[in-house]
PDB file of N, CA and C in Angstrom:
ATOM      1  N   TRP A   1      10.596 -44.895 -42.929  1.00  0.00           N
ATOM      2  CA  TRP A   1      11.768 -46.127 -42.661  1.00  0.00           C
ATOM      3  C   TRP A   1      11.470 -47.123 -42.454  1.00  0.00           C
ATOM      4  N   ALA A   2      10.402 -47.690 -41.638  1.00  0.00           N
ATOM      5  CA  ALA A   2      10.045 -48.901 -41.826  1.00  0.00           C
ATOM      6  C   ALA A   2       8.855 -49.628 -42.961  1.00  0.00           C
ATOM      7  N   GLN A   3       8.808 -49.001 -44.175  1.00  0.00           N
ATOM      8  CA  GLN A   3       7.844 -49.215 -44.813  1.00  0.00           C
ATOM      9  C   GLN A   3       8.717 -50.343 -45.800  1.00  0.00           C
ATOM     10  N   ASN A   4       9.825 -50.609 -45.639  1.00  0.00           N
ATOM     11  CA  ASN A   4      10.857 -51.304 -46.658  1.00  0.00           C
ATOM     12  C   ASN A   4      11.242 -52.304 -45.686  1.00  0.00           C
ATOM     13  N   LYS A   5      10.761 -52.399 -44.554  1.00  0.00           N
ATOM     14  CA  LYS A   5      11.612 -53.653 -43.482  1.00  0.00           C
ATOM     15  C   LYS A   5      10.530 -54.574 -43.392  1.00  0.00           C
ATOM     16  N   THR A   6      11.088 -55.731 -43.063  1.00  0.00           N
ATOM     17  CA  THR A   6      10.235 -56.580 -42.046  1.00  0.00           C
ATOM     18  C   THR A   6       9.886 -56.215 -40.423  1.00  0.00           C
ATOM     19  N   GLU A   7       9.091 -57.021 -40.406  1.00  0.00           N
ATOM     20  CA  GLU A   7       8.517 -56.681 -39.087  1.00  0.00           C
ATOM     21  C   GLU A   7       9.532 -57.410 -37.940  1.00  0.00           C
ATOM     22  N   ALA A   8      10.358 -57.975 -38.829  1.00  0.00           N
ATOM     23  CA  ALA A   8      11.425 -58.494 -37.532  1.00  0.00           C
ATOM     24  C   ALA A   8      12.502 -57.329 -37.566  1.00  0.00           C
ATOM     25  N   GLU A   9      13.010 -56.924 -38.446  1.00  0.00           N
ATOM     26  CA  GLU A   9      13.875 -55.951 -38.614  1.00  0.00           C
ATOM     27  C   GLU A   9      13.543 -54.764 -37.552  1.00  0.00           C
ATOM     28  N   VAL A  10      12.073 -54.095 -38.005  1.00  0.00           N
ATOM     29  CA  VAL A  10      11.546 -52.996 -37.093  1.00  0.00           C
ATOM     30  C   VAL A  10      11.863 -53.344 -35.693  1.00  0.00           C
ATOM     31  N   GLU A  11      11.492 -54.334 -35.008  1.00  0.00           N
ATOM     32  CA  GLU A  11      11.294 -54.785 -33.459  1.00  0.00           C
ATOM     33  C   GLU A  11      12.839 -54.861 -33.587  1.00  0.00           C
ATOM     34  N   ALA A  12      13.641 -55.506 -34.184  1.00  0.00           N
ATOM     35  CA  ALA A  12      14.939 -55.344 -34.093  1.00  0.00           C
ATOM     36  C   ALA A  12      15.528 -53.959 -33.539  1.00  0.00           C
ATOM     37  N   TYR A  13      15.425 -53.105 -34.508  1.00  0.00           N
ATOM     38  CA  TYR A  13      15.659 -51.886 -34.392  1.00  0.00           C
ATOM     39  C   TYR A  13      15.039 -51.214 -33.403  1.00  0.00           C
ATOM     40  N   LYS A  14      13.830 -51.639 -32.951  1.00  0.00           N
ATOM     41  CA  LYS A  14      13.293 -50.804 -31.731  1.00  0.00           C
ATOM     42  C   LYS A  14      13.932 -51.487 -30.559  1.00  0.00           C
ATOM     43  N   LYS A  15      14.234 -52.789 -30.611  1.00  0.00           N
ATOM     44  CA  LYS A  15      14.886 -53.088 -29.320  1.00  0.00           C
ATOM     45  C   LYS A  15      16.669 -52.978 -29.024  1.00  0.00           C
ATOM     46  N   ASP A  16      17.014 -52.507 -30.389  1.00  0.00           N
ATOM     47  CA  ASP A  16      18.803 -52.021 -30.157  1.00  0.00           C
ATOM     48  C   ASP A  16      18.732 -50.264 -30.075  1.00  0.00           C
ATOM     49  N   LYS A  17      18.146 -49.703 -30.747  1.00  0.00           N
ATOM     50  CA  LYS A  17      18.360 -48.330 -30.841  1.00  0.00           C
ATOM     51  C   LYS A  17      16.978 -47.286 -29.829  1.00  0.00           C
ATOM     52  N   TYR A  18      16.074 -47.889 -29.879  1.00  0.00           N
ATOM     53  CA  TYR A  18      15.126 -47.321 -28.873  1.00  0.00           C
ATOM     54  C   TYR A  18      15.619 -46.681 -27.422  1.00  0.00           C
ATOM     55  N   PRO A  19      16.136 -47.917 -26.434  1.00  0.00           N
ATOM     56  CA  PRO A  19      17.288 -47.216 -25.560  1.00  0.00           C
ATOM     57  C   PRO A  19      17.993 -46.266 -25.344  1.00  0.00           C
ATOM     58  N   GLU A  20      18.831 -46.384 -26.238  1.00  0.00           N
ATOM     59  CA  GLU A  20      20.497 -46.097 -26.626  1.00  0.00           C
ATOM     60  C   GLU A  20      19.639 -44.195 -26.927  1.00  0.00           C
ATOM     61  N   ILE A  21      18.504 -44.169 -27.879  1.00  0.00           N
ATOM     62  CA  ILE A  21      17.985 -42.693 -28.254  1.00  0.00           C
ATOM     63  C   ILE A  21      17.041 -42.301 -26.780  1.00  0.00           C
ATOM     64  N   ALA A  22      16.527 -43.090 -26.291  1.00  0.00           N
ATOM     65  CA  ALA A  22      15.772 -42.597 -25.083  1.00  0.00           C
ATOM     66  C   ALA A  22      16.801 -41.938 -23.884  1.00  0.00           C
ATOM     67  N   ALA A  23      17.850 -42.573 -23.764  1.00  0.00           N
ATOM     68  CA  ALA A  23      19.232 -41.946 -22.443  1.00  0.00           C
ATOM     69  C   ALA A  23      19.610 -40.924 -23.198  1.00  0.00           C
ATOM     70  N   ARG A  24      19.967 -40.601 -24.776  1.00  0.00           N
ATOM     71  CA  ARG A  24      20.667 -39.670 -25.058  1.00  0.00           C
ATOM     72  C   ARG A  24      19.443 -38.729 -24.818  1.00  0.00           C
ATOM     73  N   VAL A  25      18.054 -38.272 -25.160  1.00  0.00           N
ATOM     74  CA  VAL A  25      17.160 -37.464 -25.141  1.00  0.00           C
ATOM     75  C   VAL A  25      16.948 -37.178 -23.542  1.00  0.00           C
ATOM     76  N   ILE A  26      17.133 -37.994 -22.517  1.00  0.00           N
ATOM     77  CA  ILE A  26      17.030 -37.950 -20.985  1.00  0.00           C
ATOM     78  C   ILE A  26      18.391 -37.342 -20.770  1.00  0.00           C
ATOM     79  N   ALA A  27      19.272 -37.762 -21.076  1.00  0.00           N
ATOM     80  CA  ALA A  27      20.452 -36.785 -20.707  1.00  0.00           C
ATOM     81  C   ALA A  27      20.528 -35.425 -21.141  1.00  0.00           C
ATOM     82  N   HIS A  28      19.979 -35.187 -22.447  1.00  0.00           N
ATOM     83  CA  HIS A  28      20.070 -33.911 -22.896  1.00  0.00           C
ATOM     84  C   HIS A  28      19.092 -33.014 -21.969  1.00  0.00           C
ATOM     85  N   LEU A  29      17.777 -33.273 -21.811  1.00  0.00           N
ATOM     86  CA  LEU A  29      16.785 -33.174 -21.198  1.00  0.00           C
ATOM     87  C   LEU A  29      17.455 -32.608 -19.858  1.00  0.00           C
ATOM     88  N   SER A  30      18.004 -33.563 -19.023  1.00  0.00           N
ATOM     89  CA  SER A  30      18.420 -32.948 -17.870  1.00  0.00           C
ATOM     90  C   SER A  30      19.497 -32.294 -17.934  1.00  0.00           C
ATOM     91  N   ASP A  31      20.665 -32.246 -18.801  1.00  0.00           N
ATOM     92  CA  ASP A  31      21.464 -31.158 -18.708  1.00  0.00           C
ATOM     93  C   ASP A  31      21.119 -29.634 -19.206  1.00  0.00           C
ATOM     94  N   LYS A  32      19.813 -29.439 -19.742  1.00  0.00           N
ATOM     95  CA  LYS A  32      19.038 -28.365 -20.140  1.00  0.00           C
ATOM     96  C   LYS A  32      18.514 -27.880 -19.038  1.00  0.00           C
ATOM     97  N   TYR A  33      17.673 -28.715 -18.168  1.00  0.00           N
ATOM     98  CA  TYR A  33      16.935 -28.521 -16.917  1.00  0.00           C
ATOM     99  C   TYR A  33      18.137 -27.994 -15.865  1.00  0.00           C
ATOM    100  N   ILE A  34      19.184 -28.714 -15.779  1.00  0.00           N
ATOM    101  CA  ILE A  34      20.226 -28.063 -14.849  1.00  0.00           C
ATOM    102  C   ILE A  34      21.082 -27.328 -14.988  1.00  0.00           C
ATOM    103  N   SER A  35      21.102 -26.989 -16.408  1.00  0.00           N
ATOM    104  CA  SER A  35      21.917 -25.406 -16.744  1.00  0.00           C
ATOM    105  C   SER A  35      20.736 -24.310 -16.589  1.00  0.00           C
ATOM    106  N   ALA A  36      19.779 -24.627 -16.828  1.00  0.00           N
ATOM    107  CA  ALA A  36      18.535 -23.315 -16.652  1.00  0.00           C
ATOM    108  C   ALA A  36      18.175 -23.307 -14.766  1.00  0.00           C
ATOM    109  N   ARG A  37      18.272 -24.187 -14.067  1.00  0.00           N
ATOM    110  CA  ARG A  37      18.171 -24.214 -12.775  1.00  0.00           C
ATOM    111  C   ARG A  37      19.194 -23.543 -12.302  1.00  0.00           C
ATOM    112  N   ASP A  38      20.643 -24.029 -12.521  1.00  0.00           N
ATOM    113  CA  ASP A  38      21.704 -22.787 -11.695  1.00  0.00           C
ATOM    114  C   ASP A  38      21.607 -21.562 -12.371  1.00  0.00           C
ATOM    115  N   GLU A  39      21.401 -21.377 -13.593  1.00  0.00           N
ATOM    116  CA  GLU A  39      21.432 -19.798 -14.176  1.00  0.00           C
ATOM    117  C   GLU A  39      20.463 -19.264 -13.252  1.00  0.00           C
ATOM    118  N   ILE A  40      19.208 -19.735 -13.150  1.00  0.00           N
ATOM    119  CA  ILE A  40      18.403 -19.034 -12.191  1.00  0.00           C
ATOM    120  C   ILE A  40      18.670 -18.716 -10.584  1.00  0.00           C
ATOM    121  N   GLU A  41      19.326 -19.802 -10.317  1.00  0.00           N
ATOM    122  CA  GLU A  41      19.757 -19.599  -8.665  1.00  0.00           C
ATOM    123  C   GLU A  41      20.624 -19.007  -8.552  1.00  0.00           C
ATOM    124  N   ASN A  42      21.689 -18.422  -9.821  1.00  0.00           N
ATOM    125  CA  ASN A  42      22.836 -17.674  -9.488  1.00  0.00           C
ATOM    126  C   ASN A  42      21.842 -15.848  -9.614  1.00  0.00           C
ATOM    127  N   GLU A  43      20.878 -16.260 -10.337  1.00  0.00           N
ATOM    128  CA  GLU A  43      20.481 -14.660 -10.874  1.00  0.00           C
ATOM    129  C   GLU A  43      19.564 -14.299  -9.648  1.00  0.00           C
ATOM    130  N   VAL A  44      19.121 -15.349  -8.785  1.00  0.00           N
ATOM    131  CA  VAL A  44      18.260 -15.125  -7.554  1.00  0.00           C
ATOM    132  C   VAL A  44      19.309 -14.587  -5.989  1.00  0.00           C
ATOM    133  N   GLU A  45      20.810 -15.331  -6.065  1.00  0.00           N
ATOM    134  CA  GLU A  45      21.614 -14.994  -5.566  1.00  0.00           C
ATOM    135  C   GLU A  45      22.038 -13.638  -5.796  1.00  0.00           C
ATOM    136  N   THR A  46      22.179 -13.207  -6.679  1.00  0.00           N
ATOM    137  CA  THR A  46      22.727 -11.754  -7.100  1.00  0.00           C
ATOM    138  C   THR A  46      21.816 -10.956  -6.827  1.00  0.00           C
ATOM    139  N   MET A  47      20.447 -11.126  -7.244  1.00  0.00           N
ATOM    140  CA  MET A  47      19.209 -10.110  -6.252  1.00  0.00           C
ATOM    141  C   MET A  47      19.118 -10.054  -5.227  1.00  0.00           C
ATOM    142  N   LYS A  48      19.476 -11.245  -4.564  1.00  0.00           N
ATOM    143  CA  LYS A  48      19.110 -11.131  -2.932  1.00  0.00           C
ATOM    144  C   LYS A  48      20.494 -10.527  -2.460  1.00  0.00           C
ATOM    145  N   ASP A  49      21.637 -10.595  -2.828  1.00  0.00           N
ATOM    146  CA  ASP A  49      22.878  -9.978  -2.373  1.00  0.00           C
ATOM    147  C   ASP A  49      22.550  -8.403  -2.445  1.00  0.00           C
ATOM    148  N   PHE A  50      22.012  -7.860  -3.802  1.00  0.00           N
ATOM    149  CA  PHE A  50      21.928  -6.589  -3.919  1.00  0.00           C
ATOM    150  C   PHE A  50      20.883  -5.876  -3.064  1.00  0.00           C
ATOM    151  N   PHE A  51      19.833  -6.386  -2.424  1.00  0.00           N
ATOM    152  CA  PHE A  51      18.826  -6.291  -1.690  1.00  0.00           C
ATOM    153  C   PHE A  51      19.653  -6.410   0.125  1.00  0.00           C
ATOM    154  N   ARG A  52      20.352  -7.223  -0.359  1.00  0.00           N
ATOM    155  CA  ARG A  52      20.967  -7.342   1.582  1.00  0.00           C
ATOM    156  C   ARG A  52      22.069  -6.345   1.667  1.00  0.00           C
ATOM    157  N   SER A  53      22.888  -5.540   0.545  1.00  0.00           N
ATOM    158  CA  SER A  53      23.897  -4.324   0.595  1.00  0.00           C
ATOM    159  C   SER A  53      23.151  -3.195   0.775  1.00  0.00           C
ATOM    160  N   GLN A  54      21.664  -3.077   0.831  1.00  0.00           N
ATOM    161  CA  GLN A  54      20.964  -1.624   1.488  1.00  0.00           C
ATOM    162  C   GLN A  54      21.528  -1.373   2.703  1.00  0.00           C
ATOM    163  N   LYS A  55      21.649  -0.216   2.960  1.00  0.00           N
ATOM    164  CA  LYS A  55      22.053   0.100   4.206  1.00  0.00           C
ATOM    165  C   LYS A  55      20.819   1.115   4.822  1.00  0.00           C
ATOM    166  N   ASP A  56      21.283   1.288   6.111  1.00  0.00           N
ATOM    167  CA  ASP A  56      20.194   2.252   6.676  1.00  0.00           C
ATOM    168  C   ASP A  56      20.801   3.366   7.132  1.00  0.00           C
ATOM    169  N   MET A  57      20.197   4.374   6.454  1.00  0.00           N
ATOM    170  CA  MET A  57      20.770   6.017   6.416  1.00  0.00           C
ATOM    171  C   MET A  57      20.067   6.724   6.903  1.00  0.00           C
ATOM    172  N   PRO A  58      20.021   6.822   8.616  1.00  0.00           N
ATOM    173  CA  PRO A  58      18.919   7.580   9.219  1.00  0.00           C
ATOM    174  C   PRO A  58      19.855   9.153   8.854  1.00  0.00           C
ATOM    175  N   GLY A  59      18.555  10.277   8.493  1.00  0.00           N
ATOM    176  CA  GLY A  59      18.918  11.436   8.571  1.00  0.00           C
ATOM    177  C   GLY A  59      19.345  11.896   7.213  1.00  0.00           C
ATOM    178  N   LYS A  60      19.447  10.885   6.123  1.00  0.00           N
ATOM    179  CA  LYS A  60      19.637  11.163   4.907  1.00  0.00           C
ATOM    180  C   LYS A  60      18.292  11.257   4.057  1.00  0.00           C
ATOM    181  N   THR A  61      18.532  11.758   2.939  1.00  0.00           N
ATOM    182  CA  THR A  61      17.235  12.085   2.080  1.00  0.00           C
ATOM    183  C   THR A  61      17.432  11.451   0.739  1.00  0.00           C
ATOM    184  N   LYS A  62      16.664  11.208  -0.152  1.00  0.00           N
ATOM    185  CA  LYS A  62      16.622  10.678  -1.318  1.00  0.00           C
ATOM    186  C   LYS A  62      17.653  11.565  -2.202  1.00  0.00           C
ATOM    187  N   ALA A  63      17.135  12.937  -1.647  1.00  0.00           N
ATOM    188  CA  ALA A  63      18.052  13.675  -2.983  1.00  0.00           C
ATOM    189  C   ALA A  63      19.641  13.687  -2.158  1.00  0.00           C
ATOM    190  N   ASP A  64      19.976  13.553  -0.652  1.00  0.00           N
ATOM    191  CA  ASP A  64      21.413  12.987  -0.661  1.00  0.00           C
ATOM    192  C   ASP A  64      22.134  11.715  -1.429  1.00  0.00           C
ATOM    193  N   VAL A  65      21.156  10.645  -1.580  1.00  0.00           N
ATOM    194  CA  VAL A  65      21.339   9.641  -2.118  1.00  0.00           C
ATOM    195  C   VAL A  65      21.404   9.909  -3.675  1.00  0.00           C
ATOM    196  N   LEU A  66      21.060  10.365  -4.296  1.00  0.00           N
ATOM    197  CA  LEU A  66      21.211  10.783  -5.658  1.00  0.00           C
ATOM    198  C   LEU A  66      22.443  11.945  -5.812  1.00  0.00           C
ATOM    199  N   LYS A  67      22.684  12.843  -4.944  1.00  0.00           N
ATOM    200  CA  LYS A  67      23.713  13.348  -5.436  1.00  0.00           C
ATOM    201  C   LYS A  67      25.133  12.420  -5.197  1.00  0.00           C
ATOM    202  N   GLU A  68      24.901  11.597  -4.353  1.00  0.00           N
ATOM    203  CA  GLU A  68      26.216  10.806  -3.887  1.00  0.00           C
ATOM    204  C   GLU A  68      26.586   9.480  -5.355  1.00  0.00           C
ATOM    205  N   ILE A  69      25.283   9.409  -5.959  1.00  0.00           N
ATOM    206  CA  ILE A  69      25.378   8.140  -7.180  1.00  0.00           C
ATOM    207  C   ILE A  69      25.763   9.594  -8.215  1.00  0.00           C
ATOM    208  N   TRP A  70      25.224  10.366  -8.377  1.00  0.00           N
ATOM    209  CA  TRP A  70      25.632  11.782  -9.324  1.00  0.00           C
ATOM    210  C   TRP A  70      27.312  11.921  -9.302  1.00  0.00           C
ATOM    211  N   GLU A  71      27.810  11.923  -8.002  1.00  0.00           N
ATOM    212  CA  GLU A  71      29.450  11.979  -7.986  1.00  0.00           C
ATOM    213  C   GLU A  71      29.712  11.015  -8.687  1.00  0.00           C
ATOM    214  N   GLU A  72      29.662   9.366  -8.270  1.00  0.00           N
ATOM    215  CA  GLU A  72      30.156   8.403  -8.737  1.00  0.00           C
ATOM    216  C   GLU A  72      30.275   7.961 -10.423  1.00  0.00           C
ATOM    217  N   LEU A  73      28.857   8.568 -10.752  1.00  0.00           N
ATOM    218  CA  LEU A  73      28.629   8.033 -12.253  1.00  0.00           C
ATOM    219  C   LEU A  73      29.518   8.587 -13.277  1.00  0.00           C
ATOM    220  N   PRO A  74      30.201   9.975 -12.945  1.00  0.00           N
ATOM    221  CA  PRO A  74      31.230  10.169 -13.904  1.00  0.00           C
ATOM    222  C   PRO A  74      32.461   9.458 -14.384  1.00  0.00           C
ATOM    223  N   LYS A  75      32.715   8.594 -12.902  1.00  0.00           N
ATOM    224  CA  LYS A  75      33.681   7.786 -13.154  1.00  0.00           C
ATOM    225  C   LYS A  75      33.425   6.559 -14.280  1.00  0.00           C
ATOM    226  N   TYR A  76      32.538   6.297 -14.072  1.00  0.00           N
ATOM    227  CA  TYR A  76      32.149   5.247 -15.046  1.00  0.00           C
ATOM    228  C   TYR A  76      31.370   5.403 -16.651  1.00  0.00           C
ATOM    229  N   THR A  77      31.362   6.554 -16.526  1.00  0.00           N
ATOM    230  CA  THR A  77      31.057   7.278 -18.185  1.00  0.00           C
ATOM    231  C   THR A  77      31.997   7.915 -19.032  1.00  0.00           C
ATOM    232  N   GLU A  78      31.639   8.144 -19.987  1.00  0.00           N
ATOM    233  CA  GLU A  78      32.379   9.287 -20.843  1.00  0.00           C
ATOM    234  C   GLU A  78      32.382  10.398 -21.255  1.00  0.00           C
ATOM    235  N   LYS A  79      31.063  10.578 -20.903  1.00  0.00           N
ATOM    236  CA  LYS A  79      30.717  11.691 -21.315  1.00  0.00           C
ATOM    237  C   LYS A  79      30.069  12.655 -19.843  1.00  0.00           C
ATOM    238  N   PRO A  80      30.500  14.084 -19.377  1.00  0.00           N
ATOM    239  CA  PRO A  80      30.096  14.772 -18.222  1.00  0.00           C
ATOM    240  C   PRO A  80      28.439  14.732 -18.190  1.00  0.00           C
ATOM    241  N   LEU A  81      28.063  14.527 -16.766  1.00  0.00           N
ATOM    242  CA  LEU A  81      26.686  14.503 -17.203  1.00  0.00           C
ATOM    243  C   LEU A  81      26.025  15.970 -16.284  1.00  0.00           C
ATOM    244  N   PRO A  82      24.771  15.805 -17.308  1.00  0.00           N
ATOM    245  CA  PRO A  82      24.216  17.439 -16.497  1.00  0.00           C
ATOM    246  C   PRO A  82      23.870  17.670 -15.392  1.00  0.00           C
ATOM    247  N   PRO A  83      23.819  19.108 -14.702  1.00  0.00           N
ATOM    248  CA  PRO A  83      23.318  19.244 -13.474  1.00  0.00           C
ATOM    249  C   PRO A  83      22.434  18.652 -13.189  1.00  0.00           C
ATOM    250  N   LEU A  84      21.709  18.142 -12.107  1.00  0.00           N
ATOM    251  CA  LEU A  84      20.826  17.915 -11.407  1.00  0.00           C
ATOM    252  C   LEU A  84      20.024  18.750 -11.392  1.00  0.00           C
ATOM    253  N   ASP A  85      18.456  18.519 -11.669  1.00  0.00           N
ATOM    254  CA  ASP A  85      17.628  19.700 -11.596  1.00  0.00           C
ATOM    255  C   ASP A  85      17.125  19.958 -10.206  1.00  0.00           C
ATOM    256  N   GLU A  86      16.786  21.137  -9.676  1.00  0.00           N
ATOM    257  CA  GLU A  86      16.784  22.080  -8.457  1.00  0.00           C
ATOM    258  C   GLU A  86      15.650  21.454  -7.645  1.00  0.00           C
ATOM    259  N   GLU A  87      14.391  21.133  -8.862  1.00  0.00           N
ATOM    260  CA  GLU A  87      12.868  21.202  -8.508  1.00  0.00           C
ATOM    261  C   GLU A  87      12.935  19.639  -8.016  1.00  0.00           C
ATOM    262  N   VAL A  88      13.674  18.839  -8.903  1.00  0.00           N
ATOM    263  CA  VAL A  88      13.344  17.367  -8.512  1.00  0.00           C
ATOM    264  C   VAL A  88      14.435  17.333  -7.021  1.00  0.00           C
ATOM    265  N   LEU A  89      15.603  17.972  -7.033  1.00  0.00           N
ATOM    266  CA  LEU A  89      16.565  17.554  -5.860  1.00  0.00           C
ATOM    267  C   LEU A  89      15.401  18.469  -4.266  1.00  0.00           C
ATOM    268  N   ALA A  90      14.941  19.258  -4.723  1.00  0.00           N
ATOM    269  CA  ALA A  90      14.116  19.942  -3.574  1.00  0.00           C
ATOM    270  C   ALA A  90      12.829  18.588  -3.198  1.00  0.00           C
ATOM    271  N   GLN A  91      12.100  18.179  -4.113  1.00  0.00           N
ATOM    272  CA  GLN A  91      11.094  16.715  -3.837  1.00  0.00           C
ATOM    273  C   GLN A  91      11.834  16.120  -3.369  1.00  0.00           C
ATOM    274  N   LEU A  92      12.907  15.205  -3.712  1.00  0.00           N
ATOM    275  CA  LEU A  92      13.416  14.375  -2.901  1.00  0.00           C
ATOM    276  C   LEU A  92      13.897  14.756  -1.773  1.00  0.00           C
ATOM    277  N   SER A  93      14.576  15.887  -1.575  1.00  0.00           N
ATOM    278  CA  SER A  93      14.900  15.932  -0.237  1.00  0.00           C
ATOM    279  C   SER A  93      14.100  16.126   0.829  1.00  0.00           C
ATOM    280  N   GLU A  94      12.690  16.099   0.296  1.00  0.00           N
ATOM    281  CA  GLU A  94      11.490  15.505   1.502  1.00  0.00           C
ATOM    282  C   GLU A  94      11.073  14.024   1.814  1.00  0.00           C
ATOM    283  N   VAL A  95      11.812  13.247   1.024  1.00  0.00           N
ATOM    284  CA  VAL A  95      11.484  12.020   1.151  1.00  0.00           C
ATOM    285  C   VAL A  95      12.907  11.656   1.835  1.00  0.00           C
ATOM    286  N   PRO A  96      12.974  10.394   3.150  1.00  0.00           N
ATOM    287  CA  PRO A  96      13.933  10.179   3.632  1.00  0.00           C
ATOM    288  C   PRO A  96      14.485   8.969   2.930  1.00  0.00           C
ATOM    289  N   ALA A  97      15.439   8.451   3.022  1.00  0.00           N
ATOM    290  CA  ALA A  97      16.705   7.718   1.982  1.00  0.00           C
ATOM    291  C   ALA A  97      15.794   6.003   2.207  1.00  0.00           C
ATOM    292  N   ASN A  98      15.235   6.051   3.594  1.00  0.00           N
ATOM    293  CA  ASN A  98      14.957   4.959   3.475  1.00  0.00           C
ATOM    294  C   ASN A  98      13.504   4.866   4.117  1.00  0.00           C
ATOM    295  N   VAL A  99      12.571   4.467   3.294  1.00  0.00           N
ATOM    296  CA  VAL A  99      10.839   4.678   3.722  1.00  0.00           C
ATOM    297  C   VAL A  99      10.674   3.487   4.439  1.00  0.00           C
ATOM    298  N   PRO A 100      10.224   3.727   5.687  1.00  0.00           N
ATOM    299  CA  PRO A 100       9.883   2.610   6.682  1.00  0.00           C
ATOM    300  C   PRO A 100       8.781   1.701   5.758  1.00  0.00           C
ATOM    301  N   GLY A 101       9.016   0.638   6.525  1.00  0.00           N
ATOM    302  CA  GLY A 101       8.495  -0.984   5.703  1.00  0.00           C
ATOM    303  C   GLY A 101       9.017  -1.407   4.329  1.00  0.00           C
ATOM    304  N   GLN A 102       9.959  -0.593   3.903  1.00  0.00           N
ATOM    305  CA  GLN A 102      10.515  -0.938   2.565  1.00  0.00           C
ATOM    306  C   GLN A 102      11.895  -1.276   2.970  1.00  0.00           C
ATOM    307  N   TRP A 103      12.794  -1.133   4.071  1.00  0.00           N
ATOM    308  CA  TRP A 103      14.161  -1.627   3.864  1.00  0.00           C
ATOM    309  C   TRP A 103      14.268  -2.537   4.279  1.00  0.00           C
ATOM    310  N   ASN A 104      14.800  -3.686   3.587  1.00  0.00           N
ATOM    311  CA  ASN A 104      15.078  -4.968   3.917  1.00  0.00           C
ATOM    312  C   ASN A 104      13.977  -5.616   3.906  1.00  0.00           C
ATOM    313  N   HIS A 105      13.289  -5.954   3.056  1.00  0.00           N
ATOM    314  CA  HIS A 105      12.100  -6.360   2.653  1.00  0.00           C
ATOM    315  C   HIS A 105      12.350  -7.735   2.343  1.00  0.00           C
ATOM    316  N   SER A 106      11.806  -8.776   3.233  1.00  0.00           N
ATOM    317  CA  SER A 106      11.599 -10.122   2.836  1.00  0.00           C
ATOM    318  C   SER A 106      11.635 -10.739   1.292  1.00  0.00           C
ATOM    319  N   TRP A 107      10.977  -9.849   0.562  1.00  0.00           N
ATOM    320  CA  TRP A 107      10.697 -10.468  -0.997  1.00  0.00           C
ATOM    321  C   TRP A 107      11.939 -10.214  -1.341  1.00  0.00           C
ATOM    322  N   GLY A 108      13.131  -9.281  -0.977  1.00  0.00           N
ATOM    323  CA  GLY A 108      14.345  -9.247  -1.550  1.00  0.00           C
ATOM    324  C   GLY A 108      15.496  -9.818  -0.768  1.00  0.00           C
ATOM    325  N   THR A 109      14.990 -10.242   0.359  1.00  0.00           N
ATOM    326  CA  THR A 109      16.137 -10.986   1.055  1.00  0.00           C
ATOM    327  C   THR A 109      16.260 -12.075   1.611  1.00  0.00           C
ATOM    328  N   ALA A 110      14.991 -13.048   1.850  1.00  0.00           N
ATOM    329  CA  ALA A 110      14.656 -13.923   2.374  1.00  0.00           C
ATOM    330  C   ALA A 110      14.909 -15.223   1.589  1.00  0.00           C
ATOM    331  N   ASP A 111      15.564 -16.273   2.435  1.00  0.00           N
ATOM    332  CA  ASP A 111      15.813 -17.570   1.414  1.00  0.00           C
ATOM    333  C   ASP A 111      14.587 -18.295   1.348  1.00  0.00           C
ATOM    334  N   LYS A 112      13.583 -18.299   1.847  1.00  0.00           N
ATOM    335  CA  LYS A 112      12.083 -18.862   1.882  1.00  0.00           C
ATOM    336  C   LYS A 112      11.270 -17.722   2.000  1.00  0.00           C
ATOM    337  N   LEU A 113      10.233 -18.007   0.977  1.00  0.00           N
ATOM    338  CA  LEU A 113       8.942 -17.371   1.329  1.00  0.00           C
ATOM    339  C   LEU A 113       7.978 -18.247   1.110  1.00  0.00           C
ATOM    340  N   TYR A 114       6.972 -18.101   2.284  1.00  0.00           N
ATOM    341  CA  TYR A 114       6.006 -19.043   2.407  1.00  0.00           C
ATOM    342  C   TYR A 114       4.562 -18.417   2.007  1.00  0.00           C
TER     343      TYR A 114
END
């Protein structure tokens, strides 16, 4: 661009146009940063809400939870679900629904982690 221009024209262009171009670039980058930050924060809040929604279920097993989920799923799918495998249910019936130390873990619920 500057090949056929005088030095004075180039300097005038720099003086007049560079601040405008820089302002547009900074505004664009700021908008992108803000939208990315807000999107990530929304995802974080959704994830924390999910982990905070976990309930303490004394006496229930993972098999009980799976059966409850299996009863609800047909409401949201168009096809009937196959029956649950009895061997899997037998194995899951030995595991408590809330494993000690995993319920309401700070990595899923805390506002700040240090």
